[in-house]
Structure formats: C-alpha cells, structure tokens
Protein backbone atom coordinates (compact mmCIF):
# COMPACT_ATOMS: atom_id res chain seq x y z
CA MET A 1 -116.05 15.65 -17.36
CA THR A 2 -113.60 17.10 -14.98
CA ALA A 3 -114.45 20.32 -13.42
CA TYR A 4 -111.87 23.01 -13.14
CA HIS A 5 -111.84 25.67 -10.60
CA PRO A 6 -110.28 29.05 -11.27
CA GLN A 7 -107.68 28.60 -8.54
CA ASP A 8 -106.55 25.35 -10.18
CA LEU A 9 -105.75 27.18 -13.38
CA VAL A 10 -103.53 29.54 -11.49
CA ALA A 11 -101.68 26.73 -9.66
CA GLU A 12 -100.97 24.47 -12.65
CA PRO A 13 -98.44 26.67 -14.40
CA SER A 14 -96.40 26.85 -11.20
CA LEU A 15 -96.38 23.07 -10.87
CA HIS A 16 -95.44 22.61 -14.50
CA ALA A 17 -92.59 25.10 -14.19
CA GLN A 18 -91.32 23.35 -11.06
CA GLN A 19 -91.30 20.00 -12.79
CA SER A 20 -89.50 21.35 -15.84
CA GLN A 21 -86.55 22.91 -13.88
CA PRO A 22 -83.23 20.91 -14.02
CA ALA A 23 -81.96 19.11 -10.90
CA LEU A 24 -79.33 20.76 -8.72
CA PRO A 25 -75.77 19.93 -9.95
CA GLY A 26 -74.43 18.52 -6.57
CA ALA A 27 -73.65 14.98 -7.77
CA GLY A 28 -72.05 16.20 -10.99
CA LEU A 29 -69.79 18.59 -9.12
CA THR A 30 -68.60 15.81 -6.83
CA THR A 31 -67.81 13.58 -9.81
CA LEU A 32 -65.91 16.40 -11.50
CA VAL A 33 -63.76 17.06 -8.41
CA ARG A 34 -62.95 13.39 -8.03
CA SER A 35 -61.92 13.03 -11.66
CA ARG A 36 -59.61 16.04 -11.39
CA LEU A 37 -57.97 14.65 -8.25
CA LYS A 38 -57.27 11.37 -10.02
CA ARG A 39 -55.43 13.04 -12.88
CA PRO A 40 -51.55 12.64 -12.77
CA PRO A 41 -49.61 15.85 -12.07
CA PRO A 42 -48.54 17.71 -15.16
CA PRO A 43 -44.91 17.05 -16.24
CA LEU A 44 -42.24 19.54 -15.28
CA PRO A 45 -41.20 21.99 -17.90
CA ARG A 46 -38.11 20.89 -19.81
CA ALA A 47 -35.84 23.47 -18.21
CA ASP A 48 -36.87 22.45 -14.69
CA ALA A 49 -36.43 18.74 -15.48
CA ALA A 50 -32.92 19.31 -16.83
CA LEU A 51 -31.98 21.34 -13.77
CA PHE A 52 -33.31 18.61 -11.49
CA LYS A 53 -31.35 15.91 -13.29
CA THR A 54 -28.17 18.01 -13.16
CA ALA A 55 -28.55 18.52 -9.42
CA ILE A 56 -29.00 14.76 -8.87
CA ALA A 57 -25.94 14.02 -11.01
CA ILE A 58 -23.81 16.50 -9.05
CA MET A 59 -24.91 14.99 -5.74
CA LEU A 60 -24.10 11.46 -6.92
CA ALA A 61 -20.69 12.53 -8.27
CA GLY A 62 -19.86 14.23 -4.97
CA ALA A 63 -20.82 11.16 -2.98
CA LEU A 64 -18.74 8.89 -5.24
CA ALA A 65 -15.73 11.21 -5.04
CA SER A 66 -15.94 11.34 -1.25
CA GLY A 67 -16.21 7.57 -1.02
CA LEU A 68 -13.27 7.05 -3.37
CA ALA A 69 -11.08 9.51 -1.45
CA LEU A 70 -11.94 7.81 1.82
CA TYR A 71 -11.20 4.38 0.35
CA LEU A 72 -7.84 5.45 -1.06
CA THR A 73 -6.87 7.11 2.22
CA HIS A 74 -7.65 4.01 4.25
CA ARG A 75 -5.96 1.75 1.71
CA THR A 76 -2.77 3.84 1.91
CA GLU A 77 -2.86 3.79 5.69
CA ASP A 78 -3.60 0.07 5.94
CA GLY A 79 -1.59 -1.61 3.21
CA GLU A 80 0.01 0.72 0.71
CA PRO A 81 3.17 2.38 2.09
CA VAL A 82 4.47 5.66 0.75
CA VAL A 83 7.25 5.13 -1.79
CA GLN A 84 10.28 7.26 -2.59
CA PRO A 85 11.89 7.43 -6.04
CA ALA A 86 15.54 6.46 -6.02
CA ARG A 87 18.31 6.20 -8.59
CA ILE A 88 21.54 4.25 -8.30
CA GLY A 89 23.58 4.91 -11.41
CA SER A 90 21.23 4.16 -14.29
CA ILE A 91 18.90 2.01 -12.16
CA ALA A 92 15.56 3.47 -11.06
CA LEU A 93 13.88 2.21 -7.91
CA MET A 94 10.68 2.93 -6.00
CA VAL A 95 11.61 2.37 -2.37
CA PRO A 96 8.88 1.81 0.26
CA GLN A 97 9.49 4.47 2.87
CA ASN A 98 8.76 2.14 5.76
CA LEU A 99 11.73 -0.01 4.71
CA THR A 100 14.17 2.89 4.96
CA GLY A 101 13.33 4.01 8.50
CA ALA A 102 12.76 7.57 7.22
CA GLU A 103 10.07 9.84 8.64
CA PRO A 104 6.63 9.61 6.94
CA ASP A 105 6.78 13.25 5.78
CA ASP A 106 10.20 12.84 4.15
CA SER A 107 9.48 12.69 0.42
CA SER A 108 13.00 13.53 -0.79
CA ARG A 109 14.49 11.71 -3.76
CA LEU A 110 17.21 9.18 -2.97
CA VAL A 111 20.22 9.50 -5.28
CA GLY A 112 23.38 7.39 -5.36
CA MET A 113 22.65 5.21 -2.32
CA VAL A 114 19.73 3.47 -0.64
CA ARG A 115 19.69 2.15 2.92
CA LEU A 116 17.11 -0.37 4.07
CA ARG A 117 16.27 -1.67 7.54
CA LEU A 118 14.60 -5.05 7.23
CA ASP A 119 13.12 -7.25 9.91
CA TRP A 120 14.41 -10.79 10.16
CA PRO A 121 13.08 -13.20 9.07
CA SER A 122 10.01 -11.42 7.59
CA PHE A 123 12.00 -8.90 5.49
CA GLY A 124 9.35 -6.33 6.36
CA PRO A 125 9.92 -2.97 8.08
CA ALA A 126 12.29 -3.29 11.03
CA GLN A 127 10.99 -2.22 14.42
CA VAL A 128 13.06 0.67 15.77
CA GLY A 129 13.01 2.82 18.89
CA PRO A 130 11.84 2.02 22.42
CA SER A 131 8.84 0.07 21.13
CA GLN A 132 11.07 -2.47 19.37
CA THR A 133 10.03 -6.00 20.20
CA GLN A 134 12.58 -7.87 22.23
CA ASN A 135 14.63 -10.54 20.50
CA ARG A 136 13.70 -9.23 17.04
CA GLN A 137 16.66 -9.15 14.65
CA ARG A 138 17.20 -6.94 11.64
CA LEU A 139 19.26 -6.59 8.49
CA LEU A 140 20.91 -3.32 7.49
CA VAL A 141 21.12 -3.23 3.70
CA THR A 142 22.98 -0.65 1.60
CA LEU A 143 22.61 -0.42 -2.19
CA THR A 144 25.36 1.41 -4.11
CA PRO A 145 26.67 1.55 -7.69
CA GLN A 146 29.00 -1.24 -8.72
CA ASP A 147 32.62 -0.95 -7.63
CA LYS A 148 35.42 -3.27 -8.76
CA VAL A 149 36.57 -3.56 -5.15
CA ASN A 150 33.37 -5.42 -4.32
CA GLU A 151 33.64 -8.04 -7.05
CA PRO A 152 33.61 -11.51 -5.40
CA GLN A 153 36.89 -12.56 -7.01
CA THR A 154 38.58 -9.33 -5.91
CA GLN A 155 37.36 -9.68 -2.33
CA LEU A 156 38.53 -13.29 -2.06
CA SER A 157 41.92 -12.49 -3.52
CA VAL A 158 42.42 -9.71 -0.95
CA TYR A 159 41.35 -11.92 1.95
CA ALA A 160 43.48 -14.85 0.78
CA ARG A 161 46.72 -12.99 1.47
CA PHE A 162 45.92 -12.76 5.20
CA LEU A 163 44.20 -16.09 5.94
CA THR A 164 45.59 -18.75 8.23
CA PRO A 165 45.81 -22.35 6.96
CA THR A 166 43.33 -23.55 9.59
CA VAL A 167 39.87 -24.40 8.28
CA TRP A 168 36.86 -25.64 10.24
CA SER A 169 33.25 -26.28 9.30
CA ASN A 170 30.21 -24.28 10.35
CA PRO A 171 26.45 -24.97 10.21
CA GLY A 172 24.83 -23.94 6.94
CA GLY A 173 27.45 -25.65 4.80
CA LEU A 174 30.03 -22.89 5.39
CA VAL A 175 33.67 -23.16 6.28
CA VAL A 176 35.46 -20.74 8.57
CA ARG A 177 38.93 -19.27 8.09
CA GLY A 178 40.88 -17.12 10.52
CA PHE A 179 43.09 -14.12 9.72
CA ARG A 180 46.74 -13.82 10.71
CA LYS A 181 47.69 -11.57 13.58
CA GLY A 182 48.97 -8.21 12.44
CA SER A 183 46.78 -8.28 9.34
CA PRO A 184 44.04 -5.67 8.71
CA TYR A 185 41.44 -8.34 9.60
CA GLU A 186 43.12 -10.00 12.59
CA ASN A 187 40.01 -9.57 14.76
CA ASP A 188 37.69 -11.10 12.16
CA GLU A 189 36.75 -14.51 10.83
CA LEU A 190 35.81 -15.33 7.26
CA TYR A 191 32.76 -17.50 6.57
CA VAL A 192 32.69 -18.81 3.01
CA SER A 193 30.51 -21.18 1.00
CA VAL A 194 32.04 -24.23 -0.61
CA PRO A 195 33.77 -24.89 -2.85
CA ASP A 196 35.24 -21.49 -3.69
CA GLY A 197 33.34 -18.87 -1.66
CA ARG A 198 31.78 -17.20 -4.70
CA GLY A 199 28.27 -17.80 -3.39
CA PHE A 200 28.88 -16.26 0.03
CA ALA A 201 31.85 -14.69 1.80
CA ALA A 202 31.13 -12.80 5.03
CA ARG A 203 33.38 -11.31 7.69
CA CYS A 204 32.36 -11.44 11.34
CA PRO A 205 34.28 -10.19 14.37
CA LEU A 206 35.70 -12.83 16.66
CA ASP A 207 33.03 -14.05 19.03
CA ASN A 208 34.60 -12.55 22.14
CA GLY A 209 31.65 -10.40 23.24
CA ARG A 210 33.47 -7.14 22.51
CA SER A 211 31.37 -6.01 19.57
CA ASP A 212 28.91 -3.24 20.38
CA LEU A 213 26.97 -3.80 17.15
CA ASP A 214 23.75 -5.78 16.93
CA GLU A 215 24.62 -6.57 13.28
CA PRO A 216 28.39 -7.16 13.38
CA CYS A 217 28.73 -9.44 10.34
CA ARG A 218 28.90 -8.10 6.80
CA VAL A 219 28.66 -9.50 3.30
CA THR A 220 28.75 -7.76 -0.09
CA PHE A 221 27.52 -9.22 -3.38
CA ARG A 222 26.26 -8.14 -6.80
CA HIS A 223 22.60 -8.01 -7.79
CA ARG A 224 20.75 -6.23 -10.60
CA GLY A 225 23.76 -4.09 -11.50
CA MET A 226 24.25 -2.85 -7.92
CA ASP A 227 26.51 -3.67 -5.01
CA VAL A 228 24.48 -4.96 -2.06
CA ASN A 229 26.03 -4.79 1.41
CA ILE A 230 24.26 -6.50 4.33
CA ARG A 231 25.08 -6.18 8.00
CA PHE A 232 23.48 -8.98 10.01
CA PRO A 233 23.65 -10.81 13.37
CA ARG A 234 26.13 -13.67 13.66
CA SER A 235 23.36 -15.90 15.04
CA ILE A 236 21.64 -16.16 11.63
CA ILE A 237 24.72 -16.89 9.53
CA ALA A 238 23.67 -20.53 9.05
CA ASP A 239 20.58 -19.20 7.19
CA TRP A 240 22.69 -17.25 4.73
CA GLU A 241 20.87 -18.64 1.66
CA LEU A 242 17.50 -17.58 3.06
CA MET A 243 18.92 -14.16 3.91
CA LEU A 244 20.40 -13.51 0.45
CA GLY A 245 17.26 -14.79 -1.29
CA GLY A 246 14.95 -12.56 0.78
CA VAL A 247 17.07 -9.45 0.17
CA ARG A 248 17.21 -10.17 -3.56
CA ARG A 249 13.42 -10.51 -3.73
CA THR A 250 12.98 -7.26 -1.81
CA ILE A 251 15.22 -5.44 -4.30
CA ASP A 252 13.41 -7.03 -7.26
CA GLY A 253 10.13 -5.67 -5.91
CA MET A 254 11.51 -2.11 -6.01
CA MET A 255 12.80 -2.23 -9.58
CA ARG A 256 11.12 0.05 -12.12
C-alpha cells in the first residue's frame, strides 16, 4: 500500500488543476494572422470601380487625341500643303497654296482666275525670292474661263495674216515662222507643231537679248473647260510635249 501524507493531499489538487488548464494560444494566433494576410483584398465597391474605369478611359482618350493632333500637324507640315478652294466658271478646284506663291496665312477663295508658279521640270512649287536656287527655271500658269479668242483655230487664223513665207525647223519637231515688220507681232517668232499647229503654237520674242523676262515665251490652249496660258523660258521649248503634259496633270490633280 502506498502511504499518503497530509501535505500530499494538499498538493495534488494543484497539480491536477495545472495539468487540466489549456495551452497558451500563441501558435494559433500566429496561424490566424498569417491566414488573414494571405487573403486577397476585398473588391472595390461598384461606384468606386466605375469611377476608376471612367478616369482611365478619359486619360487614354486624352493621350490618343494628343497623339492624333500631333500626327496631323506634322503630316500637314511635312507632306500635305494647305489648299485653297477656287472656282473658274462652273469648275471647282482645290489649289495647293504652295503652287500659287501665296502667303501661308492667305486662305482667301480664288474666283475667276488661278495663277500657278511651277518649278521646271518637277512641276512642284517654284523657288522664289533670294533663296531661289541658281539655274532653276519655272512656269507661270494662268487658268481662266474659256474665251473664243483663245481657241486654237482662232489664234492661228490671226497669226497667219502677219506671217512671213519663210519657214525653218526647230528641235522638238517644231517649225518656226517669222512675223512681217510693221505687224503687231514683228518682234516675235511663232513656234508651231506639225502639221497644222493645233497641238502647240507659242510666241517667243526674237532672241536678241532684249527681253527682261525670265519666261518670255507664251502658249495658250484648252484643257478641262478652261483656257490655260503658260509663260516659259525659250530654252525649254524643245520639251513642249513634256511641259504641256505636266501642266495638264497638275490641273487634273486639282479638279473636284
């Protein structure tokens, strides 16, 4: 038998109570904190989410608008010239401003007549002013409504009354006729295409060095319901077909 002492009876309840108490909750608390940290953040309320999406959309739209404006500005500066509306009779044109020699801020409407200054042989904008490249030639083109005076047959019939019988050939397949002294054209020569001059008939002053014009020769023809007058240097007269073709294409590109 086991002997019990009175002091043992007093100590046993304390030991039993100590063994029956639950363990401290340190490990459980750590696990709880970790699990809460791993949870995803709660979703935004619907109103806040809509506001956020709207703000993003506004920012994107602003950035796109700025980029588009910048692109259009640079495209206009680099390759798209300003155009002016024009009307010659019933014909509507959109004339590139850099072909007219007008100032960039001149946006007036051209009515009844259009003047072009074209570089030769590119048919682009002519270089003007002190910065003009040396030895560059240009064409001065005037577009006006049709006039019976400018019909090819009428022009040739007027010239024929004052021509001399002498005829000589010229490069470019043209023939040259002189005008009689005392006639209105006595200081000019007539360059015409064969056989009848209907394709080309231009007047140039006699090559005596007295002309103060860089474009002393002139030719008028019909195109697209308009009269087209070109003033050009005598030195390019042999390329008359190239000149007329380039001017016609330039006009065709302005038709609306």
